[in-house]
C-alpha cells in the first residue's frame, strides 16, 4: 500500500475540491476513500520536507501526483486544470503506478 498524503492548511479555498478528487481517485483504484493522511502544512510539528509544499498537494510515496518538484515555501497552489486541482485521472494514475511498483 503506498503512503498517500494530502498536504493543505485550514482555510485553503481548494482543499475541499482537492480532497474530493483524491477520495474519488482512491475509490477508482479499489481503495477506501479514507486511506490517506491529512498533513497540516502550517502545523509547527510538520517536518520541513512536507511543510514547504503549496496547498493543496497530493503525495504518493513522497512523489507529487503532477510530477512537480517541491516548492520553496508555503502558499496556495493552483494547477493548470479546469478545477485548479489535480484531476481524478492524474491522481489515480499516480496511485496505480505506485501499487504496481
Protein backbone atom coordinates (compact mmCIF):
# COMPACT_ATOMS: atom_id res chain seq x y z
CA UNK A 1 0.00 0.00 0.00
CA UNK A 2 1.52 3.34 -0.99
CA UNK A 3 1.73 6.15 1.53
CA UNK A 4 -0.73 8.81 0.41
CA UNK A 5 -0.52 12.28 1.93
CA UNK A 6 -2.80 15.25 1.39
CA UNK A 7 -0.99 18.47 2.25
CA UNK A 8 -3.03 21.58 2.96
CA UNK A 9 -3.91 24.11 5.63
CA UNK A 10 -7.10 25.31 7.23
CA UNK A 11 -8.68 28.00 5.09
CA UNK A 12 -7.20 26.93 1.76
CA UNK A 13 -10.04 27.52 -0.73
CA UNK A 14 -9.10 24.48 -2.85
CA UNK A 15 -8.88 21.94 -0.02
CA UNK A 16 -12.43 20.60 -0.33
CA UNK A 17 -12.29 20.17 -4.11
CA UNK A 18 -8.86 18.52 -3.98
CA UNK A 19 -9.91 16.16 -1.16
CA UNK A 20 -12.93 15.12 -3.18
CA UNK A 21 -10.68 14.41 -6.18
CA UNK A 22 -8.34 12.32 -4.00
CA UNK A 23 -11.19 10.33 -2.48
CA UNK A 24 -12.72 9.65 -5.91
CA UNK A 25 -9.34 8.54 -7.24
CA UNK A 26 -8.85 6.20 -4.29
CA UNK A 27 -12.27 4.63 -4.91
CA UNK A 28 -11.50 4.24 -8.63
CA UNK A 29 -8.37 2.28 -7.62
CA UNK A 30 -10.38 -0.02 -5.34
CA UNK A 31 -9.12 1.63 -2.14
CA UNK A 32 -11.07 3.12 0.74
CA UNK A 33 -11.60 6.84 0.40
CA UNK A 34 -10.07 7.44 3.83
CA UNK A 35 -6.72 5.73 3.09
CA UNK A 36 -4.68 8.90 3.19
CA UNK A 37 -3.04 11.10 5.77
CA UNK A 38 -4.03 14.76 6.07
CA UNK A 39 -0.96 16.92 6.76
CA UNK A 40 -1.45 20.48 8.00
CA UNK A 41 1.50 22.28 6.42
CA UNK A 42 1.14 25.16 8.91
CA UNK A 43 1.40 22.92 11.98
CA UNK A 44 4.75 23.62 13.69
CA UNK A 45 5.31 19.87 14.16
CA UNK A 46 5.09 19.17 10.41
CA UNK A 47 8.52 18.23 9.02
CA UNK A 48 10.06 20.89 6.79
CA UNK A 49 10.15 18.45 3.87
CA UNK A 50 6.34 18.47 3.91
CA UNK A 51 5.71 22.00 5.15
CA UNK A 52 7.37 23.60 2.13
CA UNK A 53 4.82 22.28 -0.37
CA UNK A 54 2.00 24.51 -1.53
CA UNK A 55 -1.63 23.82 -0.69
CA UNK A 56 -3.18 21.58 -1.84
CA UNK A 57 -0.59 18.94 -2.71
CA UNK A 58 -1.10 15.18 -3.02
CA UNK A 59 1.95 12.98 -2.49
CA UNK A 60 2.12 9.28 -3.26
CA UNK A 61 5.16 7.74 -1.54
CA UNK A 62 6.66 11.22 -1.40
CA UNK A 63 6.10 11.97 -5.10
CA UNK A 64 3.82 14.78 -6.24
CA UNK A 65 0.95 13.49 -8.41
CA UNK A 66 1.60 16.17 -11.00
CA UNK A 67 5.32 15.45 -11.18
CA UNK A 68 6.43 18.81 -9.84
CA UNK A 69 9.37 19.30 -7.52
CA UNK A 70 8.90 20.72 -4.06
CA UNK A 71 8.22 24.43 -3.81
CA UNK A 72 10.30 26.59 -1.53
CA UNK A 73 7.58 27.99 0.67
CA UNK A 74 4.04 27.73 1.92
CA UNK A 75 1.36 29.21 -0.28
CA UNK A 76 -1.66 28.47 -2.38
CA UNK A 77 -1.08 26.04 -5.20
CA UNK A 78 -3.11 26.25 -8.38
CA UNK A 79 -2.89 23.55 -11.05
CA UNK A 80 -3.32 24.07 -14.77
CA UNK A 81 -6.66 22.21 -14.83
CA UNK A 82 -10.28 23.28 -15.11
CA UNK A 83 -10.86 22.98 -11.33
CA UNK A 84 -7.36 24.26 -10.43
CA UNK A 85 -6.57 20.98 -8.62
CA UNK A 86 -5.20 17.67 -9.92
CA UNK A 87 -7.71 15.63 -11.90
CA UNK A 88 -9.09 12.30 -10.70
CA UNK A 89 -7.27 10.63 -13.60
CA UNK A 90 -3.94 12.27 -12.64
CA UNK A 91 -4.24 11.09 -9.03
CA UNK A 92 -5.49 7.60 -9.95
CA UNK A 93 -2.61 7.14 -12.40
CA UNK A 94 -0.09 8.10 -9.72
CA UNK A 95 -1.68 5.68 -7.22
CA UNK A 96 -1.79 2.81 -9.72
CA UNK A 97 1.85 3.39 -10.66
CA UNK A 98 2.89 3.01 -7.01
CA UNK A 99 0.62 0.00 -6.48
CA UNK A 100 2.33 -1.88 -9.31
CA UNK A 101 5.93 -0.93 -8.49
